[in-house]
Amino acid sequence: MSVIGMVGIRTEGDSFTPPGPGNFDLPGFFEVAGQPVTKPMVQLVIAAVLVFWLFHAAIKRRELVPGRFQFAAEGAYGMVRNSVARDIIGSHDFMKYVPYLVTLFFFIIVNNFFGSFPGIQFPSFSRASMAYALAGLSWVIYNAAGIRRHGFAGYLKLQCVPAGVTPFMYPLLVPLEFFSNILVRPVTLALRLFANMLAGHLLVILFATGGLYMLQEGSLLVKPVGLLAWLLFIAISFLELLVQFLQAYVFTLLNAMYISGAIADEH
């Protein structure tokens, strides 16, 4: 098998077929109750176990003067607890949401980093269903928090009726606010994560496979372009690490903002 075949470049004669969304449609490893279990599904389980194990190991032998592992875990926890939960939700209510926000951030970032991890190289949330399921869970949590604080009718009024607006404008603004605050939020929340993971990984695949193809199959004039493509592949791979971190942070940050808006007395 050629190097091109090993990395997944499809060729037809001397032509190169660029990667596309079909590269993310992976076959199942095995079946459970007749349903295929795919690579992203396995990665979700691995990420959950890994996050639990890392924090469990960090606090299992807590010391007054923390070691490097405990110090790193406490610093990572403190970043989400203080910079996201407390600063956005407020010092009075933030602690009850810290476990979810911390778990959310590290679960997403591990799944995102799978896209750059050798041997895996597939971001779990580049599959839309994974991102929308996580956004749906967040939707339930922040709406439940608002209903618990204000009651069902009070929460709908808070989300759909803008303060300081004349009732004459209600027929126009109330449907828009309901659509924006209740229906669209989970869609945009998931779409942001999914689209960034899909596009970033697709770009990495394109430069890697396209550059390799030009180096192996191109003429002397084309080979330097293939080398440039590979240099860009390396640069984009490092940039993708930053994007993977930022998307986990933004997803968690928006969840904190939605919880804060749901439990606030008024907008």
C-alpha atoms as a PDB file:
ATOM      1  CA  MET A   1       0.000   0.000   0.000  1.00  0.00           C
ATOM      2  CA  SER A   2       1.345   3.443  -0.880  1.00  0.00           C
ATOM      3  CA  VAL A   3       1.763   6.245   1.642  1.00  0.00           C
ATOM      4  CA  ILE A   4      -1.107   8.032  -0.083  1.00  0.00           C
ATOM      5  CA  GLY A   5      -3.430   5.108   0.524  1.00  0.00           C
ATOM      6  CA  MET A   6      -2.359   4.800   4.151  1.00  0.00           C
ATOM      7  CA  VAL A   7      -3.290   8.384   4.987  1.00  0.00           C
ATOM      8  CA  GLY A   8      -6.610   8.180   3.216  1.00  0.00           C
ATOM      9  CA  ILE A   9      -6.072  10.091  -0.022  1.00  0.00           C
ATOM     10  CA  ARG A  10      -8.352   8.808  -2.721  1.00  0.00           C
ATOM     11  CA  THR A  11      -6.951   8.818  -6.215  1.00  0.00           C
ATOM     12  CA  GLU A  12      -8.458   7.999  -9.543  1.00  0.00           C
ATOM     13  CA  GLY A  13      -5.635   7.426 -11.968  1.00  0.00           C
ATOM     14  CA  ASP A  14      -3.490  10.527 -11.668  1.00  0.00           C
ATOM     15  CA  SER A  15      -6.234  12.683 -10.130  1.00  0.00           C
ATOM     16  CA  PHE A  16      -6.683  13.688  -6.516  1.00  0.00           C
ATOM     17  CA  THR A  17     -10.072  13.641  -4.823  1.00  0.00           C
ATOM     18  CA  PRO A  18     -10.060  16.254  -2.044  1.00  0.00           C
ATOM     19  CA  PRO A  19     -11.434  15.349   1.365  1.00  0.00           C
ATOM     20  CA  GLY A  20     -14.984  16.348   2.241  1.00  0.00           C
ATOM     21  CA  PRO A  21     -17.739  15.727   4.794  1.00  0.00           C
ATOM     22  CA  GLY A  22     -17.787  12.072   3.743  1.00  0.00           C
ATOM     23  CA  ASN A  23     -14.440  11.617   5.509  1.00  0.00           C
ATOM     24  CA  PHE A  24     -16.267  12.163   8.805  1.00  0.00           C
ATOM     25  CA  ASP A  25     -18.808   9.408   8.148  1.00  0.00           C
ATOM     26  CA  LEU A  26     -16.945   6.601   9.894  1.00  0.00           C
ATOM     27  CA  PRO A  27     -18.042   2.956   9.921  1.00  0.00           C
ATOM     28  CA  GLY A  28     -18.933   1.271  13.184  1.00  0.00           C
ATOM     29  CA  PHE A  29     -16.374  -0.680  15.207  1.00  0.00           C
ATOM     30  CA  PHE A  30     -18.974  -3.133  16.423  1.00  0.00           C
ATOM     31  CA  GLU A  31     -22.715  -3.331  17.083  1.00  0.00           C
ATOM     32  CA  VAL A  32     -24.754  -3.114  20.263  1.00  0.00           C
ATOM     33  CA  ALA A  33     -28.394  -4.204  20.015  1.00  0.00           C
ATOM     34  CA  GLY A  34     -28.094  -3.960  16.251  1.00  0.00           C
ATOM     35  CA  GLN A  35     -26.783  -0.377  16.308  1.00  0.00           C
ATOM     36  CA  PRO A  36     -23.249   0.424  15.114  1.00  0.00           C
ATOM     37  CA  VAL A  37     -20.838   1.901  17.654  1.00  0.00           C
ATOM     38  CA  THR A  38     -18.591   4.390  15.863  1.00  0.00           C
ATOM     39  CA  LYS A  39     -15.248   5.922  16.705  1.00  0.00           C
ATOM     40  CA  PRO A  40     -16.718   9.228  18.031  1.00  0.00           C
ATOM     41  CA  MET A  41     -19.011   7.279  20.376  1.00  0.00           C
ATOM     42  CA  VAL A  42     -16.035   5.425  21.826  1.00  0.00           C
ATOM     43  CA  GLN A  43     -14.156   8.702  22.161  1.00  0.00           C
ATOM     44  CA  LEU A  44     -16.982  10.212  24.220  1.00  0.00           C
ATOM     45  CA  VAL A  45     -16.728   7.339  26.687  1.00  0.00           C
ATOM     46  CA  ILE A  46     -12.930   7.565  26.800  1.00  0.00           C
ATOM     47  CA  ALA A  47     -13.093  11.328  27.404  1.00  0.00           C
ATOM     48  CA  ALA A  48     -15.598  10.935  30.255  1.00  0.00           C
ATOM     49  CA  VAL A  49     -13.473   8.246  31.929  1.00  0.00           C
ATOM     50  CA  LEU A  50     -10.282  10.245  31.379  1.00  0.00           C
ATOM     51  CA  VAL A  51     -11.674  13.471  32.880  1.00  0.00           C
ATOM     52  CA  PHE A  52     -13.008  11.574  35.901  1.00  0.00           C
ATOM     53  CA  TRP A  53      -9.724   9.725  36.398  1.00  0.00           C
ATOM     54  CA  LEU A  54      -7.571  12.861  36.104  1.00  0.00           C
ATOM     55  CA  PHE A  55      -9.481  14.802  38.745  1.00  0.00           C
ATOM     56  CA  HIS A  56      -9.931  11.771  40.978  1.00  0.00           C
ATOM     57  CA  ALA A  57      -6.193  11.098  40.849  1.00  0.00           C
ATOM     58  CA  ALA A  58      -5.440  14.773  41.551  1.00  0.00           C
ATOM     59  CA  ILE A  59      -7.536  14.915  44.736  1.00  0.00           C
ATOM     60  CA  LYS A  60      -6.998  11.363  45.954  1.00  0.00           C
ATOM     61  CA  ARG A  61      -3.852  12.342  47.858  1.00  0.00           C
ATOM     62  CA  ARG A  62      -4.415  15.985  48.602  1.00  0.00           C
ATOM     63  CA  GLU A  63      -1.569  17.764  50.314  1.00  0.00           C
ATOM     64  CA  LEU A  64      -1.279  21.150  51.982  1.00  0.00           C
ATOM     65  CA  VAL A  65       1.620  21.906  49.661  1.00  0.00           C
ATOM     66  CA  PRO A  66       0.378  20.514  46.355  1.00  0.00           C
ATOM     67  CA  GLY A  67       2.557  18.628  43.950  1.00  0.00           C
ATOM     68  CA  ARG A  68       2.726  19.504  40.291  1.00  0.00           C
ATOM     69  CA  PHE A  69      -0.221  17.302  39.284  1.00  0.00           C
ATOM     70  CA  GLN A  70      -2.463  18.562  42.081  1.00  0.00           C
ATOM     71  CA  PHE A  71      -1.387  22.150  41.407  1.00  0.00           C
ATOM     72  CA  ALA A  72      -2.230  21.834  37.692  1.00  0.00           C
ATOM     73  CA  ALA A  73      -5.629  20.282  38.436  1.00  0.00           C
ATOM     74  CA  GLU A  74      -6.480  22.948  41.022  1.00  0.00           C
ATOM     75  CA  GLY A  75      -5.404  25.694  38.628  1.00  0.00           C
ATOM     76  CA  ALA A  76      -7.554  24.296  35.810  1.00  0.00           C
ATOM     77  CA  TYR A  77     -10.537  23.911  38.143  1.00  0.00           C
ATOM     78  CA  GLY A  78     -10.006  27.429  39.514  1.00  0.00           C
ATOM     79  CA  MET A  79      -9.962  28.927  36.014  1.00  0.00           C
ATOM     80  CA  VAL A  80     -13.480  27.677  35.263  1.00  0.00           C
ATOM     81  CA  ARG A  81     -14.750  28.227  38.804  1.00  0.00           C
ATOM     82  CA  ASN A  82     -13.543  31.788  39.178  1.00  0.00           C
ATOM     83  CA  SER A  83     -13.102  33.215  35.680  1.00  0.00           C
ATOM     84  CA  VAL A  84     -16.271  31.716  34.218  1.00  0.00           C
ATOM     85  CA  ALA A  85     -18.775  30.635  36.866  1.00  0.00           C
ATOM     86  CA  ARG A  86     -18.233  33.243  39.591  1.00  0.00           C
ATOM     87  CA  ASP A  87     -17.511  36.219  37.347  1.00  0.00           C
ATOM     88  CA  ILE A  88     -20.533  35.636  35.104  1.00  0.00           C
ATOM     89  CA  ILE A  89     -23.182  33.991  37.293  1.00  0.00           C
ATOM     90  CA  GLY A  90     -22.303  35.942  40.426  1.00  0.00           C
ATOM     91  CA  SER A  91     -20.869  35.070  43.824  1.00  0.00           C
ATOM     92  CA  HIS A  92     -24.278  34.285  45.331  1.00  0.00           C
ATOM     93  CA  ASP A  93     -25.447  31.534  42.960  1.00  0.00           C
ATOM     94  CA  PHE A  94     -22.418  30.279  41.072  1.00  0.00           C
ATOM     95  CA  MET A  95     -21.303  27.315  43.227  1.00  0.00           C
ATOM     96  CA  LYS A  96     -24.257  25.060  42.403  1.00  0.00           C
ATOM     97  CA  TYR A  97     -23.369  25.287  38.695  1.00  0.00           C
ATOM     98  CA  VAL A  98     -19.601  24.867  39.033  1.00  0.00           C
ATOM     99  CA  PRO A  99     -19.630  21.020  38.812  1.00  0.00           C
ATOM    100  CA  TYR A 100     -21.500  21.117  35.515  1.00  0.00           C
ATOM    101  CA  LEU A 101     -19.417  23.915  34.002  1.00  0.00           C
ATOM    102  CA  VAL A 102     -16.103  22.343  35.021  1.00  0.00           C
ATOM    103  CA  THR A 103     -17.169  18.940  33.704  1.00  0.00           C
ATOM    104  CA  LEU A 104     -18.470  20.531  30.508  1.00  0.00           C
ATOM    105  CA  PHE A 105     -15.247  22.416  29.805  1.00  0.00           C
ATOM    106  CA  PHE A 106     -12.889  19.499  30.324  1.00  0.00           C
ATOM    107  CA  PHE A 107     -15.145  16.996  28.575  1.00  0.00           C
ATOM    108  CA  ILE A 108     -15.267  19.222  25.484  1.00  0.00           C
ATOM    109  CA  ILE A 109     -11.577  20.077  25.487  1.00  0.00           C
ATOM    110  CA  VAL A 110     -10.516  16.434  25.726  1.00  0.00           C
ATOM    111  CA  ASN A 111     -12.838  15.488  22.863  1.00  0.00           C
ATOM    112  CA  ASN A 112     -11.540  18.428  20.833  1.00  0.00           C
ATOM    113  CA  PHE A 113      -7.903  17.523  21.483  1.00  0.00           C
ATOM    114  CA  PHE A 114      -8.613  14.045  20.147  1.00  0.00           C
ATOM    115  CA  GLY A 115      -8.513  15.736  16.747  1.00  0.00           C
ATOM    116  CA  SER A 116      -4.786  16.408  17.172  1.00  0.00           C
ATOM    117  CA  PHE A 117      -3.847  13.321  19.182  1.00  0.00           C
ATOM    118  CA  PRO A 118      -1.718  10.850  17.166  1.00  0.00           C
ATOM    119  CA  GLY A 119      -3.508   7.611  16.460  1.00  0.00           C
ATOM    120  CA  ILE A 120      -6.968   9.134  17.010  1.00  0.00           C
ATOM    121  CA  GLN A 121      -6.953  12.374  15.003  1.00  0.00           C
ATOM    122  CA  PHE A 122     -10.696  12.865  14.982  1.00  0.00           C
ATOM    123  CA  PRO A 123     -12.493  15.599  16.986  1.00  0.00           C
ATOM    124  CA  SER A 124     -15.620  14.027  18.473  1.00  0.00           C
ATOM    125  CA  PHE A 125     -17.737  17.142  18.022  1.00  0.00           C
ATOM    126  CA  SER A 126     -17.083  17.298  14.296  1.00  0.00           C
ATOM    127  CA  ARG A 127     -20.171  15.066  14.206  1.00  0.00           C
ATOM    128  CA  ALA A 128     -23.244  17.293  14.454  1.00  0.00           C
ATOM    129  CA  SER A 129     -25.257  14.831  16.533  1.00  0.00           C
ATOM    130  CA  MET A 130     -22.652  14.912  19.312  1.00  0.00           C
ATOM    131  CA  ALA A 131     -22.635  18.706  19.502  1.00  0.00           C
ATOM    132  CA  TYR A 132     -26.428  19.027  19.381  1.00  0.00           C
ATOM    133  CA  ALA A 133     -26.873  16.424  22.133  1.00  0.00           C
ATOM    134  CA  LEU A 134     -24.538  18.403  24.397  1.00  0.00           C
ATOM    135  CA  ALA A 135     -26.274  21.680  23.555  1.00  0.00           C
ATOM    136  CA  GLY A 136     -29.630  20.033  24.289  1.00  0.00           C
ATOM    137  CA  LEU A 137     -28.426  19.054  27.758  1.00  0.00           C
ATOM    138  CA  SER A 138     -27.287  22.630  28.378  1.00  0.00           C
ATOM    139  CA  TRP A 139     -30.664  23.908  27.160  1.00  0.00           C
ATOM    140  CA  VAL A 140     -32.447  21.746  29.726  1.00  0.00           C
ATOM    141  CA  ILE A 141     -30.145  22.877  32.534  1.00  0.00           C
ATOM    142  CA  TYR A 142     -30.320  26.655  32.062  1.00  0.00           C
ATOM    143  CA  ASN A 143     -34.056  26.641  31.363  1.00  0.00           C
ATOM    144  CA  ALA A 144     -34.660  24.445  34.420  1.00  0.00           C
ATOM    145  CA  ALA A 145     -32.584  26.885  36.488  1.00  0.00           C
ATOM    146  CA  GLY A 146     -34.715  29.799  35.289  1.00  0.00           C
ATOM    147  CA  ILE A 147     -38.028  28.000  35.867  1.00  0.00           C
ATOM    148  CA  ARG A 148     -36.923  26.956  39.327  1.00  0.00           C
ATOM    149  CA  ARG A 149     -36.058  30.541  40.217  1.00  0.00           C
ATOM    150  CA  HIS A 150     -39.018  32.375  38.638  1.00  0.00           C
ATOM    151  CA  GLY A 151     -41.666  29.730  37.971  1.00  0.00           C
ATOM    152  CA  PHE A 152     -42.731  28.716  34.455  1.00  0.00           C
ATOM    153  CA  ALA A 153     -44.832  31.790  33.671  1.00  0.00           C
ATOM    154  CA  GLY A 154     -42.382  34.172  35.309  1.00  0.00           C
ATOM    155  CA  TYR A 155     -39.482  32.696  33.396  1.00  0.00           C
ATOM    156  CA  LEU A 156     -41.261  32.964  30.048  1.00  0.00           C
ATOM    157  CA  LYS A 157     -42.116  36.574  30.827  1.00  0.00           C
ATOM    158  CA  LEU A 158     -38.503  37.294  31.741  1.00  0.00           C
ATOM    159  CA  GLN A 159     -37.196  35.746  28.527  1.00  0.00           C
ATOM    160  CA  CYS A 160     -39.852  36.969  26.113  1.00  0.00           C
ATOM    161  CA  VAL A 161     -41.014  40.379  27.348  1.00  0.00           C
ATOM    162  CA  PRO A 162     -38.260  43.033  27.147  1.00  0.00           C
ATOM    163  CA  ALA A 163     -38.188  45.460  30.065  1.00  0.00           C
ATOM    164  CA  GLY A 164     -39.008  49.090  29.373  1.00  0.00           C
ATOM    165  CA  VAL A 165     -40.808  48.405  26.089  1.00  0.00           C
ATOM    166  CA  THR A 166     -44.278  49.758  25.441  1.00  0.00           C
ATOM    167  CA  PRO A 167     -46.995  47.039  25.179  1.00  0.00           C
ATOM    168  CA  PHE A 168     -47.696  48.324  21.689  1.00  0.00           C
ATOM    169  CA  MET A 169     -44.486  46.596  20.575  1.00  0.00           C
ATOM    170  CA  TYR A 170     -45.212  43.250  22.262  1.00  0.00           C
ATOM    171  CA  PRO A 171     -46.785  41.551  19.193  1.00  0.00           C
ATOM    172  CA  LEU A 172     -43.548  42.163  17.322  1.00  0.00           C
ATOM    173  CA  LEU A 173     -40.931  41.669  20.031  1.00  0.00           C
ATOM    174  CA  VAL A 174     -42.350  38.801  22.104  1.00  0.00           C
ATOM    175  CA  PRO A 175     -42.228  36.212  19.258  1.00  0.00           C
ATOM    176  CA  LEU A 176     -38.729  37.395  18.322  1.00  0.00           C
ATOM    177  CA  GLU A 177     -37.507  37.152  21.912  1.00  0.00           C
ATOM    178  CA  PHE A 178     -39.051  33.694  22.325  1.00  0.00           C
ATOM    179  CA  PHE A 179     -37.459  32.515  19.090  1.00  0.00           C
ATOM    180  CA  SER A 180     -34.087  34.003  20.007  1.00  0.00           C
ATOM    181  CA  ASN A 181     -33.871  33.132  23.714  1.00  0.00           C
ATOM    182  CA  ILE A 182     -35.727  29.830  23.860  1.00  0.00           C
ATOM    183  CA  LEU A 183     -35.517  28.114  20.466  1.00  0.00           C
ATOM    184  CA  VAL A 184     -32.372  29.315  18.693  1.00  0.00           C
ATOM    185  CA  ARG A 185     -29.818  29.291  21.508  1.00  0.00           C
ATOM    186  CA  PRO A 186     -29.139  25.539  21.583  1.00  0.00           C
ATOM    187  CA  VAL A 187     -28.908  25.479  17.784  1.00  0.00           C
ATOM    188  CA  THR A 188     -26.299  28.248  17.604  1.00  0.00           C
ATOM    189  CA  LEU A 189     -24.482  26.820  20.637  1.00  0.00           C
ATOM    190  CA  ALA A 190     -24.058  23.448  18.936  1.00  0.00           C
ATOM    191  CA  LEU A 191     -23.456  24.858  15.463  1.00  0.00           C
ATOM    192  CA  ARG A 192     -20.534  26.985  16.642  1.00  0.00           C
ATOM    193  CA  LEU A 193     -18.757  23.999  18.182  1.00  0.00           C
ATOM    194  CA  PHE A 194     -19.587  21.559  15.386  1.00  0.00           C
ATOM    195  CA  ALA A 195     -18.712  23.906  12.515  1.00  0.00           C
ATOM    196  CA  ASN A 196     -15.353  24.919  13.973  1.00  0.00           C
ATOM    197  CA  MET A 197     -14.323  21.332  14.650  1.00  0.00           C
ATOM    198  CA  LEU A 198     -15.478  20.156  11.227  1.00  0.00           C
ATOM    199  CA  ALA A 199     -13.928  23.013   9.253  1.00  0.00           C
ATOM    200  CA  GLY A 200     -10.652  23.021  11.165  1.00  0.00           C
ATOM    201  CA  HIS A 201     -10.099  19.293  10.848  1.00  0.00           C
ATOM    202  CA  LEU A 202     -11.138  19.322   7.197  1.00  0.00           C
ATOM    203  CA  LEU A 203      -8.572  22.037   6.530  1.00  0.00           C
ATOM    204  CA  VAL A 204      -5.856  20.006   8.248  1.00  0.00           C
ATOM    205  CA  ILE A 205      -6.745  16.930   6.175  1.00  0.00           C
ATOM    206  CA  LEU A 206      -6.774  18.952   2.951  1.00  0.00           C
ATOM    207  CA  PHE A 207      -3.307  20.457   3.417  1.00  0.00           C
ATOM    208  CA  ALA A 208      -1.818  17.178   4.669  1.00  0.00           C
ATOM    209  CA  THR A 209      -3.191  14.917   1.959  1.00  0.00           C
ATOM    210  CA  GLY A 210      -3.006  17.470  -0.840  1.00  0.00           C
ATOM    211  CA  GLY A 211       0.561  18.379   0.019  1.00  0.00           C
ATOM    212  CA  LEU A 212       1.587  14.722   0.194  1.00  0.00           C
ATOM    213  CA  TYR A 213      -0.063  14.008  -3.137  1.00  0.00           C
ATOM    214  CA  MET A 214       1.760  16.883  -4.835  1.00  0.00           C
ATOM    215  CA  LEU A 215       5.087  15.792  -3.328  1.00  0.00           C
ATOM    216  CA  GLN A 216       4.639  12.218  -4.512  1.00  0.00           C
ATOM    217  CA  GLU A 217       2.819  12.658  -7.810  1.00  0.00           C
ATOM    218  CA  GLY A 218       3.563  16.221  -8.885  1.00  0.00           C
ATOM    219  CA  SER A 219       6.130  17.494 -11.359  1.00  0.00           C
ATOM    220  CA  LEU A 220       9.262  19.357 -10.316  1.00  0.00           C
ATOM    221  CA  LEU A 221       7.351  22.627 -10.533  1.00  0.00           C
ATOM    222  CA  VAL A 222       4.516  21.298  -8.380  1.00  0.00           C
ATOM    223  CA  LYS A 223       6.620  19.664  -5.655  1.00  0.00           C
ATOM    224  CA  PRO A 224       7.587  23.008  -4.024  1.00  0.00           C
ATOM    225  CA  VAL A 225       3.867  23.802  -3.729  1.00  0.00           C
ATOM    226  CA  GLY A 226       3.381  20.458  -2.031  1.00  0.00           C
ATOM    227  CA  LEU A 227       6.177  21.318   0.411  1.00  0.00           C
ATOM    228  CA  LEU A 228       4.521  24.670   1.112  1.00  0.00           C
ATOM    229  CA  ALA A 229       1.210  22.885   1.705  1.00  0.00           C
ATOM    230  CA  TRP A 230       2.880  20.630   4.248  1.00  0.00           C
ATOM    231  CA  LEU A 231       4.419  23.592   6.036  1.00  0.00           C
ATOM    232  CA  LEU A 232       0.961  25.168   6.165  1.00  0.00           C
ATOM    233  CA  PHE A 233      -0.415  21.854   7.448  1.00  0.00           C
ATOM    234  CA  ILE A 234       2.012  22.002  10.387  1.00  0.00           C
ATOM    235  CA  ALA A 235       1.154  25.646  11.105  1.00  0.00           C
ATOM    236  CA  ILE A 236      -2.600  25.008  10.893  1.00  0.00           C
ATOM    237  CA  SER A 237      -2.229  22.006  13.208  1.00  0.00           C
ATOM    238  CA  PHE A 238      -0.826  24.267  15.925  1.00  0.00           C
ATOM    239  CA  LEU A 239      -3.521  26.854  15.233  1.00  0.00           C
ATOM    240  CA  GLU A 240      -6.121  24.094  15.532  1.00  0.00           C
ATOM    241  CA  LEU A 241      -4.928  23.370  19.083  1.00  0.00           C
ATOM    242  CA  LEU A 242      -5.754  26.963  19.988  1.00  0.00           C
ATOM    243  CA  VAL A 243      -9.163  26.723  18.295  1.00  0.00           C
ATOM    244  CA  GLN A 244      -9.924  23.491  20.140  1.00  0.00           C
ATOM    245  CA  PHE A 245      -9.220  25.156  23.472  1.00  0.00           C
ATOM    246  CA  LEU A 246     -11.148  28.320  22.591  1.00  0.00           C
ATOM    247  CA  GLN A 247     -14.230  26.407  21.465  1.00  0.00           C
ATOM    248  CA  ALA A 248     -14.361  24.518  24.754  1.00  0.00           C
ATOM    249  CA  TYR A 249     -13.968  27.802  26.638  1.00  0.00           C
ATOM    250  CA  VAL A 250     -16.573  29.661  24.554  1.00  0.00           C
ATOM    251  CA  PHE A 251     -19.103  26.833  24.891  1.00  0.00           C
ATOM    252  CA  THR A 252     -18.671  26.865  28.686  1.00  0.00           C
ATOM    253  CA  LEU A 253     -18.703  30.655  28.824  1.00  0.00           C
ATOM    254  CA  LEU A 254     -21.979  30.848  26.894  1.00  0.00           C
ATOM    255  CA  ASN A 255     -23.524  28.254  29.186  1.00  0.00           C
ATOM    256  CA  ALA A 256     -22.610  30.404  32.174  1.00  0.00           C
ATOM    257  CA  MET A 257     -24.103  33.457  30.452  1.00  0.00           C
ATOM    258  CA  TYR A 258     -27.332  31.614  29.684  1.00  0.00           C
ATOM    259  CA  ILE A 259     -27.604  30.391  33.289  1.00  0.00           C
ATOM    260  CA  SER A 260     -26.947  33.909  34.529  1.00  0.00           C
ATOM    261  CA  GLY A 261     -29.629  35.327  32.252  1.00  0.00           C
ATOM    262  CA  ALA A 262     -32.094  32.603  33.273  1.00  0.00           C
ATOM    263  CA  ILE A 263     -31.789  33.246  37.020  1.00  0.00           C
ATOM    264  CA  ALA A 264     -31.459  37.050  36.812  1.00  0.00           C
ATOM    265  CA  ASP A 265     -34.377  39.083  38.141  1.00  0.00           C
ATOM    266  CA  GLU A 266     -34.651  41.131  34.945  1.00  0.00           C
ATOM    267  CA  HIS A 267     -32.727  41.949  31.771  1.00  0.00           C
END
